Amino acid sequence: MLQADLKEAEMDSSTLKSPPLPSLTGKSKAKLTDIAYQQLEEAIVTLRIPPGMLISEQSLSEMTGIGRTPLREAVQRLAREHLILVMPQRGLLIPHIDIGKQLRLLETRREIERLVCRSAAKRASEQQRKGFARLAEEFNAVAIENDDVTFMRSDREFNELCLVAAKNEFAESALRSLNGLSRRFWYLHYKQAADLPEMARLHASLAGAIAAGDSVETARSLDRLIDNIESFTKATVLLDQL
């Protein structure tokens, strides 16, 4: 677990160069907010902006090339998802990772995500089902290629598609605050205790069940996935005690 002291960010624009920044010409404020959110969320989840980092809105604006107003809205969204802590008069803190909180998060995630995924299996449109089928193929490809960055991006897209397809704004609000924290914890520890190909295959099975509209298999696939994540999380506890 990273336990660095608070420190001011000393990062240049190359920190956020993946994914490439789309052309900003003519983009609406809402679109710019989405772009800023996507870049910052990925940078935090993949630890390019590490836990314990204290950073300013100005430095984030300079790194993303996005103005303060849409960037501030993206920061507020990340704060609601517990990926940024706003420190008045000090800046923006990237919180440390807490294994105890992660285990409590998983208890909550299992119940809410079961509702979301089963609802998505029942309510998804034909176009959304095609999206789930495509993601199942992408996850299977990741299992072969063992590509962690592609997995993280596909996982984020899968989570977003589930939330949209489920058509339940209350479950969406609750689950959205858990997804980024889960991905960040996994990315920090997966090389020590996780099996990326197996994780990708479990995601492929879940995406395929939703695409097929099979709510029973969706629930079973989700339980297998969460069981795997819980075992991985507990394994990190043992590793930290060594």
C-alpha atoms as a PDB file:
ATOM      1  CA  MET A   1       0.000   0.000   0.000  1.00  0.00           C
ATOM      2  CA  LEU A   2       1.313   3.447  -0.868  1.00  0.00           C
ATOM      3  CA  GLN A   3       1.913   5.531   2.264  1.00  0.00           C
ATOM      4  CA  ALA A   4       3.626   8.624   0.832  1.00  0.00           C
ATOM      5  CA  ASP A   5       3.383  11.854   2.801  1.00  0.00           C
ATOM      6  CA  LEU A   6       1.278  14.642   1.340  1.00  0.00           C
ATOM      7  CA  LYS A   7       3.220  16.434  -1.330  1.00  0.00           C
ATOM      8  CA  GLU A   8       2.561  19.033  -3.962  1.00  0.00           C
ATOM      9  CA  ALA A   9       2.165  17.649  -7.472  1.00  0.00           C
ATOM     10  CA  GLU A  10       5.217  17.982  -9.673  1.00  0.00           C
ATOM     11  CA  MET A  11       3.902  16.518 -12.908  1.00  0.00           C
ATOM     12  CA  ASP A  12       4.109  17.779 -16.443  1.00  0.00           C
ATOM     13  CA  SER A  13       1.493  17.433 -19.168  1.00  0.00           C
ATOM     14  CA  SER A  14       2.844  14.011 -20.209  1.00  0.00           C
ATOM     15  CA  THR A  15       1.242  12.527 -17.079  1.00  0.00           C
ATOM     16  CA  LEU A  16      -2.197  12.636 -18.701  1.00  0.00           C
ATOM     17  CA  LYS A  17      -1.303  11.853 -22.315  1.00  0.00           C
ATOM     18  CA  SER A  18      -3.154   8.552 -22.336  1.00  0.00           C
ATOM     19  CA  PRO A  19      -5.810   8.489 -23.731  1.00  0.00           C
ATOM     20  CA  PRO A  20      -5.046  11.140 -26.368  1.00  0.00           C
ATOM     21  CA  LEU A  21      -6.870  14.404 -25.781  1.00  0.00           C
ATOM     22  CA  PRO A  22      -9.642  14.892 -28.379  1.00  0.00           C
ATOM     23  CA  SER A  23      -9.770  18.155 -30.301  1.00  0.00           C
ATOM     24  CA  LEU A  24     -11.357  20.759 -28.059  1.00  0.00           C
ATOM     25  CA  THR A  25     -12.472  23.077 -30.863  1.00  0.00           C
ATOM     26  CA  GLY A  26     -16.196  23.717 -30.644  1.00  0.00           C
ATOM     27  CA  LYS A  27     -16.754  21.365 -27.719  1.00  0.00           C
ATOM     28  CA  SER A  28     -19.577  22.244 -25.337  1.00  0.00           C
ATOM     29  CA  LYS A  29     -18.900  22.755 -21.636  1.00  0.00           C
ATOM     30  CA  ALA A  30     -20.700  19.483 -20.868  1.00  0.00           C
ATOM     31  CA  LYS A  31     -18.494  17.617 -23.329  1.00  0.00           C
ATOM     32  CA  LEU A  32     -15.347  19.233 -21.943  1.00  0.00           C
ATOM     33  CA  THR A  33     -16.417  18.190 -18.449  1.00  0.00           C
ATOM     34  CA  ASP A  34     -16.803  14.592 -19.665  1.00  0.00           C
ATOM     35  CA  ILE A  35     -13.364  14.676 -21.306  1.00  0.00           C
ATOM     36  CA  ALA A  36     -11.752  16.103 -18.161  1.00  0.00           C
ATOM     37  CA  TYR A  37     -13.518  13.545 -15.975  1.00  0.00           C
ATOM     38  CA  GLN A  38     -12.446  10.628 -18.174  1.00  0.00           C
ATOM     39  CA  GLN A  39      -8.803  11.680 -18.250  1.00  0.00           C
ATOM     40  CA  LEU A  40      -8.557  12.461 -14.546  1.00  0.00           C
ATOM     41  CA  GLU A  41     -10.462   9.350 -13.471  1.00  0.00           C
ATOM     42  CA  GLU A  42      -8.132   7.131 -15.488  1.00  0.00           C
ATOM     43  CA  ALA A  43      -5.034   8.955 -14.216  1.00  0.00           C
ATOM     44  CA  ILE A  44      -6.169   8.460 -10.601  1.00  0.00           C
ATOM     45  CA  VAL A  45      -7.342   4.865 -11.027  1.00  0.00           C
ATOM     46  CA  THR A  46      -4.139   3.797 -12.797  1.00  0.00           C
ATOM     47  CA  LEU A  47      -2.033   5.642 -10.183  1.00  0.00           C
ATOM     48  CA  ARG A  48      -0.450   8.144 -12.579  1.00  0.00           C
ATOM     49  CA  ILE A  49      -1.749  10.620 -10.008  1.00  0.00           C
ATOM     50  CA  PRO A  50      -0.886   8.578  -6.907  1.00  0.00           C
ATOM     51  CA  PRO A  51      -2.565   8.303  -3.509  1.00  0.00           C
ATOM     52  CA  GLY A  52      -1.372  11.038  -1.161  1.00  0.00           C
ATOM     53  CA  MET A  53      -0.821  13.560  -3.940  1.00  0.00           C
ATOM     54  CA  LEU A  54      -1.927  17.124  -3.213  1.00  0.00           C
ATOM     55  CA  ILE A  55      -2.575  18.934  -6.474  1.00  0.00           C
ATOM     56  CA  SER A  56      -4.201  22.186  -7.590  1.00  0.00           C
ATOM     57  CA  GLU A  57      -7.025  22.782 -10.041  1.00  0.00           C
ATOM     58  CA  GLN A  58      -4.675  25.031 -12.000  1.00  0.00           C
ATOM     59  CA  SER A  59      -2.144  22.239 -12.527  1.00  0.00           C
ATOM     60  CA  LEU A  60      -4.893  19.848 -13.639  1.00  0.00           C
ATOM     61  CA  SER A  61      -6.197  22.477 -16.037  1.00  0.00           C
ATOM     62  CA  GLU A  62      -2.730  22.891 -17.502  1.00  0.00           C
ATOM     63  CA  MET A  63      -2.244  19.137 -17.878  1.00  0.00           C
ATOM     64  CA  THR A  64      -5.580  18.510 -19.574  1.00  0.00           C
ATOM     65  CA  GLY A  65      -5.736  21.718 -21.573  1.00  0.00           C
ATOM     66  CA  ILE A  66      -9.290  22.246 -20.306  1.00  0.00           C
ATOM     67  CA  GLY A  67     -10.570  25.446 -18.697  1.00  0.00           C
ATOM     68  CA  ARG A  68     -11.233  25.865 -15.016  1.00  0.00           C
ATOM     69  CA  THR A  69     -15.060  25.772 -15.111  1.00  0.00           C
ATOM     70  CA  PRO A  70     -15.561  22.384 -16.858  1.00  0.00           C
ATOM     71  CA  LEU A  71     -12.549  20.990 -15.006  1.00  0.00           C
ATOM     72  CA  ARG A  72     -13.983  22.099 -11.659  1.00  0.00           C
ATOM     73  CA  GLU A  73     -17.226  20.262 -12.496  1.00  0.00           C
ATOM     74  CA  ALA A  74     -15.213  17.125 -13.304  1.00  0.00           C
ATOM     75  CA  VAL A  75     -13.388  17.476  -9.976  1.00  0.00           C
ATOM     76  CA  GLN A  76     -16.704  17.785  -8.133  1.00  0.00           C
ATOM     77  CA  ARG A  77     -17.883  14.564  -9.786  1.00  0.00           C
ATOM     78  CA  LEU A  78     -14.662  12.792  -8.764  1.00  0.00           C
ATOM     79  CA  ALA A  79     -15.110  14.124  -5.224  1.00  0.00           C
ATOM     80  CA  ARG A  80     -18.605  12.578  -5.085  1.00  0.00           C
ATOM     81  CA  GLU A  81     -17.003   9.282  -6.129  1.00  0.00           C
ATOM     82  CA  HIS A  82     -14.399   9.579  -3.317  1.00  0.00           C
ATOM     83  CA  LEU A  83     -11.479   9.716  -5.764  1.00  0.00           C
ATOM     84  CA  ILE A  84     -10.617  13.317  -4.833  1.00  0.00           C
ATOM     85  CA  LEU A  85     -10.896  15.088  -1.504  1.00  0.00           C
ATOM     86  CA  VAL A  86     -11.279  18.863  -1.742  1.00  0.00           C
ATOM     87  CA  MET A  87      -9.081  20.526   0.889  1.00  0.00           C
ATOM     88  CA  PRO A  88     -10.186  24.171   1.341  1.00  0.00           C
ATOM     89  CA  GLN A  89      -7.304  26.614   0.957  1.00  0.00           C
ATOM     90  CA  ARG A  90      -4.906  23.718   0.299  1.00  0.00           C
ATOM     91  CA  GLY A  91      -5.846  21.992  -2.930  1.00  0.00           C
ATOM     92  CA  LEU A  92      -7.094  18.604  -4.052  1.00  0.00           C
ATOM     93  CA  LEU A  93      -5.981  15.467  -2.226  1.00  0.00           C
ATOM     94  CA  ILE A  94      -5.932  12.022  -3.806  1.00  0.00           C
ATOM     95  CA  PRO A  95      -6.986   9.814  -0.852  1.00  0.00           C
ATOM     96  CA  HIS A  96      -4.934   6.873   0.354  1.00  0.00           C
ATOM     97  CA  ILE A  97      -6.271   3.355  -0.221  1.00  0.00           C
ATOM     98  CA  ASP A  98      -7.792   1.548   2.786  1.00  0.00           C
ATOM     99  CA  ILE A  99      -8.259  -2.234   2.652  1.00  0.00           C
ATOM    100  CA  GLY A 100     -10.888  -2.213   5.420  1.00  0.00           C
ATOM    101  CA  LYS A 101     -12.978   0.281   3.478  1.00  0.00           C
ATOM    102  CA  GLN A 102     -12.514  -1.796   0.334  1.00  0.00           C
ATOM    103  CA  LEU A 103     -14.021  -4.868   2.013  1.00  0.00           C
ATOM    104  CA  ARG A 104     -17.016  -2.829   3.195  1.00  0.00           C
ATOM    105  CA  LEU A 105     -17.332  -1.408  -0.296  1.00  0.00           C
ATOM    106  CA  LEU A 106     -17.563  -4.926  -1.730  1.00  0.00           C
ATOM    107  CA  GLU A 107     -20.397  -5.826   0.647  1.00  0.00           C
ATOM    108  CA  THR A 108     -22.365  -2.901  -0.721  1.00  0.00           C
ATOM    109  CA  ARG A 109     -21.292  -3.387  -4.313  1.00  0.00           C
ATOM    110  CA  ARG A 110     -22.480  -7.004  -4.483  1.00  0.00           C
ATOM    111  CA  GLU A 111     -26.061  -6.112  -3.615  1.00  0.00           C
ATOM    112  CA  ILE A 112     -26.355  -2.944  -5.703  1.00  0.00           C
ATOM    113  CA  GLU A 113     -24.519  -4.336  -8.716  1.00  0.00           C
ATOM    114  CA  ARG A 114     -26.715  -7.430  -8.728  1.00  0.00           C
ATOM    115  CA  LEU A 115     -29.751  -5.154  -9.073  1.00  0.00           C
ATOM    116  CA  VAL A 116     -28.071  -3.048 -11.762  1.00  0.00           C
ATOM    117  CA  CYS A 117     -26.816  -5.972 -13.843  1.00  0.00           C
ATOM    118  CA  ARG A 118     -30.077  -7.929 -13.665  1.00  0.00           C
ATOM    119  CA  SER A 119     -32.009  -4.789 -14.572  1.00  0.00           C
ATOM    120  CA  ALA A 120     -29.669  -4.214 -17.511  1.00  0.00           C
ATOM    121  CA  ALA A 121     -30.257  -7.795 -18.697  1.00  0.00           C
ATOM    122  CA  LYS A 122     -34.013  -7.178 -18.637  1.00  0.00           C
ATOM    123  CA  ARG A 123     -34.181  -3.602 -19.935  1.00  0.00           C
ATOM    124  CA  ALA A 124     -31.264  -3.123 -22.332  1.00  0.00           C
ATOM    125  CA  SER A 125     -32.124  -1.954 -25.834  1.00  0.00           C
ATOM    126  CA  GLU A 126     -31.002  -3.918 -28.881  1.00  0.00           C
ATOM    127  CA  GLN A 127     -28.164  -1.475 -29.460  1.00  0.00           C
ATOM    128  CA  GLN A 128     -27.066  -1.755 -25.828  1.00  0.00           C
ATOM    129  CA  ARG A 129     -27.104  -5.568 -26.081  1.00  0.00           C
ATOM    130  CA  LYS A 130     -24.770  -5.292 -29.051  1.00  0.00           C
ATOM    131  CA  GLY A 131     -22.538  -3.116 -26.897  1.00  0.00           C
ATOM    132  CA  PHE A 132     -22.442  -5.772 -24.175  1.00  0.00           C
ATOM    133  CA  ALA A 133     -21.673  -8.463 -26.766  1.00  0.00           C
ATOM    134  CA  ARG A 134     -18.801  -6.356 -28.140  1.00  0.00           C
ATOM    135  CA  LEU A 135     -17.453  -5.831 -24.619  1.00  0.00           C
ATOM    136  CA  ALA A 136     -17.599  -9.586 -23.979  1.00  0.00           C
ATOM    137  CA  GLU A 137     -15.368 -10.047 -27.034  1.00  0.00           C
ATOM    138  CA  GLU A 138     -13.012  -7.309 -25.820  1.00  0.00           C
ATOM    139  CA  PHE A 139     -12.711  -8.892 -22.384  1.00  0.00           C
ATOM    140  CA  ASN A 140     -11.925 -12.272 -23.971  1.00  0.00           C
ATOM    141  CA  ALA A 141      -9.220 -10.596 -26.072  1.00  0.00           C
ATOM    142  CA  VAL A 142      -7.781  -8.969 -22.938  1.00  0.00           C
ATOM    143  CA  ALA A 143      -7.655 -12.404 -21.287  1.00  0.00           C
ATOM    144  CA  ILE A 144      -5.383 -13.560 -24.110  1.00  0.00           C
ATOM    145  CA  GLU A 145      -3.276 -10.392 -24.384  1.00  0.00           C
ATOM    146  CA  ASN A 146      -3.031  -9.723 -20.619  1.00  0.00           C
ATOM    147  CA  ASP A 147      -3.396  -5.968 -21.277  1.00  0.00           C
ATOM    148  CA  ASP A 148      -4.153  -4.103 -18.049  1.00  0.00           C
ATOM    149  CA  VAL A 149      -4.837  -0.639 -19.514  1.00  0.00           C
ATOM    150  CA  THR A 150      -7.262  -1.993 -22.133  1.00  0.00           C
ATOM    151  CA  PHE A 151      -8.956  -3.997 -19.386  1.00  0.00           C
ATOM    152  CA  MET A 152      -9.408  -0.896 -17.224  1.00  0.00           C
ATOM    153  CA  ARG A 153     -10.923   1.063 -20.094  1.00  0.00           C
ATOM    154  CA  SER A 154     -13.240  -1.780 -21.107  1.00  0.00           C
ATOM    155  CA  ASP A 155     -14.266  -2.212 -17.469  1.00  0.00           C
ATOM    156  CA  ARG A 156     -15.148   1.474 -17.176  1.00  0.00           C
ATOM    157  CA  GLU A 157     -17.171   1.315 -20.399  1.00  0.00           C
ATOM    158  CA  PHE A 158     -18.927  -1.823 -19.143  1.00  0.00           C
ATOM    159  CA  ASN A 159     -19.832  -0.146 -15.850  1.00  0.00           C
ATOM    160  CA  GLU A 160     -21.219   2.905 -17.640  1.00  0.00           C
ATOM    161  CA  LEU A 161     -23.259   0.797 -20.052  1.00  0.00           C
ATOM    162  CA  CYS A 162     -24.730  -1.192 -17.154  1.00  0.00           C
ATOM    163  CA  LEU A 163     -25.813   1.991 -15.400  1.00  0.00           C
ATOM    164  CA  VAL A 164     -27.468   3.377 -18.525  1.00  0.00           C
ATOM    165  CA  ALA A 165     -29.153   0.119 -19.515  1.00  0.00           C
ATOM    166  CA  ALA A 166     -30.490  -0.563 -16.004  1.00  0.00           C
ATOM    167  CA  LYS A 167     -32.598   2.621 -16.076  1.00  0.00           C
ATOM    168  CA  ASN A 168     -32.553   3.058 -12.300  1.00  0.00           C
ATOM    169  CA  GLU A 169     -31.236   6.462 -11.261  1.00  0.00           C
ATOM    170  CA  PHE A 170     -31.129   5.578  -7.554  1.00  0.00           C
ATOM    171  CA  ALA A 171     -29.025   2.448  -8.036  1.00  0.00           C
ATOM    172  CA  GLU A 172     -26.886   4.379 -10.517  1.00  0.00           C
ATOM    173  CA  SER A 173     -26.115   7.075  -7.978  1.00  0.00           C
ATOM    174  CA  ALA A 174     -25.106   4.521  -5.353  1.00  0.00           C
ATOM    175  CA  LEU A 175     -22.984   2.335  -7.631  1.00  0.00           C
ATOM    176  CA  ARG A 176     -21.242   5.155  -9.442  1.00  0.00           C
ATOM    177  CA  SER A 177     -19.539   6.150  -6.174  1.00  0.00           C
ATOM    178  CA  LEU A 178     -18.043   2.635  -5.856  1.00  0.00           C
ATOM    179  CA  ASN A 179     -16.745   1.778  -9.320  1.00  0.00           C
ATOM    180  CA  GLY A 180     -13.704   4.035  -9.503  1.00  0.00           C
ATOM    181  CA  LEU A 181     -12.539   3.094  -6.017  1.00  0.00           C
ATOM    182  CA  SER A 182     -12.818  -0.588  -6.924  1.00  0.00           C
ATOM    183  CA  ARG A 183     -10.776  -0.194 -10.101  1.00  0.00           C
ATOM    184  CA  ARG A 184      -8.089   1.842  -8.336  1.00  0.00           C
ATOM    185  CA  PHE A 185      -7.670  -0.735  -5.562  1.00  0.00           C
ATOM    186  CA  TRP A 186      -7.497  -3.557  -8.096  1.00  0.00           C
ATOM    187  CA  TYR A 187      -4.918  -1.744 -10.241  1.00  0.00           C
ATOM    188  CA  LEU A 188      -2.675  -1.081  -7.249  1.00  0.00           C
ATOM    189  CA  HIS A 189      -2.557  -4.710  -6.126  1.00  0.00           C
ATOM    190  CA  TYR A 190      -3.368  -6.904  -9.120  1.00  0.00           C
ATOM    191  CA  LYS A 191       0.260  -7.721 -10.016  1.00  0.00           C
ATOM    192  CA  GLN A 192       0.722  -9.133  -6.508  1.00  0.00           C
ATOM    193  CA  ALA A 193      -2.460 -11.109  -5.979  1.00  0.00           C
ATOM    194  CA  ALA A 194      -4.784 -11.077  -8.986  1.00  0.00           C
ATOM    195  CA  ASP A 195      -5.136 -13.110 -12.175  1.00  0.00           C
ATOM    196  CA  LEU A 196      -5.877 -10.572 -14.934  1.00  0.00           C
ATOM    197  CA  PRO A 197      -6.867 -13.136 -17.594  1.00  0.00           C
ATOM    198  CA  GLU A 198      -9.294 -14.792 -15.159  1.00  0.00           C
ATOM    199  CA  MET A 199     -10.745 -11.414 -14.171  1.00  0.00           C
ATOM    200  CA  ALA A 200     -11.233 -10.566 -17.858  1.00  0.00           C
ATOM    201  CA  ARG A 201     -12.933 -13.914 -18.506  1.00  0.00           C
ATOM    202  CA  LEU A 202     -15.316 -13.346 -15.592  1.00  0.00           C
ATOM    203  CA  HIS A 203     -16.211  -9.930 -17.017  1.00  0.00           C
ATOM    204  CA  ALA A 204     -16.722 -11.495 -20.451  1.00  0.00           C
ATOM    205  CA  SER A 205     -19.134 -14.041 -18.974  1.00  0.00           C
ATOM    206  CA  LEU A 206     -21.114 -11.304 -17.213  1.00  0.00           C
ATOM    207  CA  ALA A 207     -21.252  -9.076 -20.282  1.00  0.00           C
ATOM    208  CA  GLY A 208     -22.363 -12.021 -22.415  1.00  0.00           C
ATOM    209  CA  ALA A 209     -25.160 -12.939 -19.995  1.00  0.00           C
ATOM    210  CA  ILE A 210     -26.477  -9.361 -20.043  1.00  0.00           C
ATOM    211  CA  ALA A 211     -26.259  -9.276 -23.845  1.00  0.00           C
ATOM    212  CA  ALA A 212     -28.349 -12.461 -23.967  1.00  0.00           C
ATOM    213  CA  GLY A 213     -30.955 -11.019 -21.591  1.00  0.00           C
ATOM    214  CA  ASP A 214     -30.476 -13.892 -19.136  1.00  0.00           C
ATOM    215  CA  SER A 215     -31.024 -12.317 -15.711  1.00  0.00           C
ATOM    216  CA  VAL A 216     -30.481 -15.602 -13.823  1.00  0.00           C
ATOM    217  CA  GLU A 217     -27.086 -16.259 -15.441  1.00  0.00           C
ATOM    218  CA  THR A 218     -26.272 -12.589 -15.004  1.00  0.00           C
ATOM    219  CA  ALA A 219     -26.701 -12.921 -11.227  1.00  0.00           C
ATOM    220  CA  ARG A 220     -24.585 -16.091 -11.172  1.00  0.00           C
ATOM    221  CA  SER A 221     -21.845 -14.493 -13.263  1.00  0.00           C
ATOM    222  CA  LEU A 222     -21.801 -11.443 -11.026  1.00  0.00           C
ATOM    223  CA  ASP A 223     -21.496 -13.563  -7.884  1.00  0.00           C
ATOM    224  CA  ARG A 224     -18.516 -15.393  -9.405  1.00  0.00           C
ATOM    225  CA  LEU A 225     -16.917 -12.053 -10.251  1.00  0.00           C
ATOM    226  CA  ILE A 226     -17.460 -10.516  -6.793  1.00  0.00           C
ATOM    227  CA  ASP A 227     -16.275 -13.739  -5.109  1.00  0.00           C
ATOM    228  CA  ASN A 228     -13.061 -13.456  -7.106  1.00  0.00           C
ATOM    229  CA  ILE A 229     -12.617  -9.798  -6.141  1.00  0.00           C
ATOM    230  CA  GLU A 230     -13.240 -10.544  -2.456  1.00  0.00           C
ATOM    231  CA  SER A 231     -10.640 -13.334  -2.487  1.00  0.00           C
ATOM    232  CA  PHE A 232      -8.185 -10.988  -4.183  1.00  0.00           C
ATOM    233  CA  THR A 233      -8.861  -8.218  -1.640  1.00  0.00           C
ATOM    234  CA  LYS A 234      -8.340 -10.553   1.319  1.00  0.00           C
ATOM    235  CA  ALA A 235      -5.136 -11.849  -0.269  1.00  0.00           C
ATOM    236  CA  THR A 236      -3.754  -8.306  -0.311  1.00  0.00           C
ATOM    237  CA  VAL A 237      -4.299  -8.134   3.448  1.00  0.00           C
ATOM    238  CA  LEU A 238      -2.094 -11.187   3.911  1.00  0.00           C
ATOM    239  CA  LEU A 239       0.559  -9.774   1.591  1.00  0.00           C
ATOM    240  CA  ASP A 240       0.625  -6.483   3.514  1.00  0.00           C
ATOM    241  CA  GLN A 241       1.216  -8.420   6.743  1.00  0.00           C
ATOM    242  CA  LEU A 242       4.283 -10.209   5.384  1.00  0.00           C
END
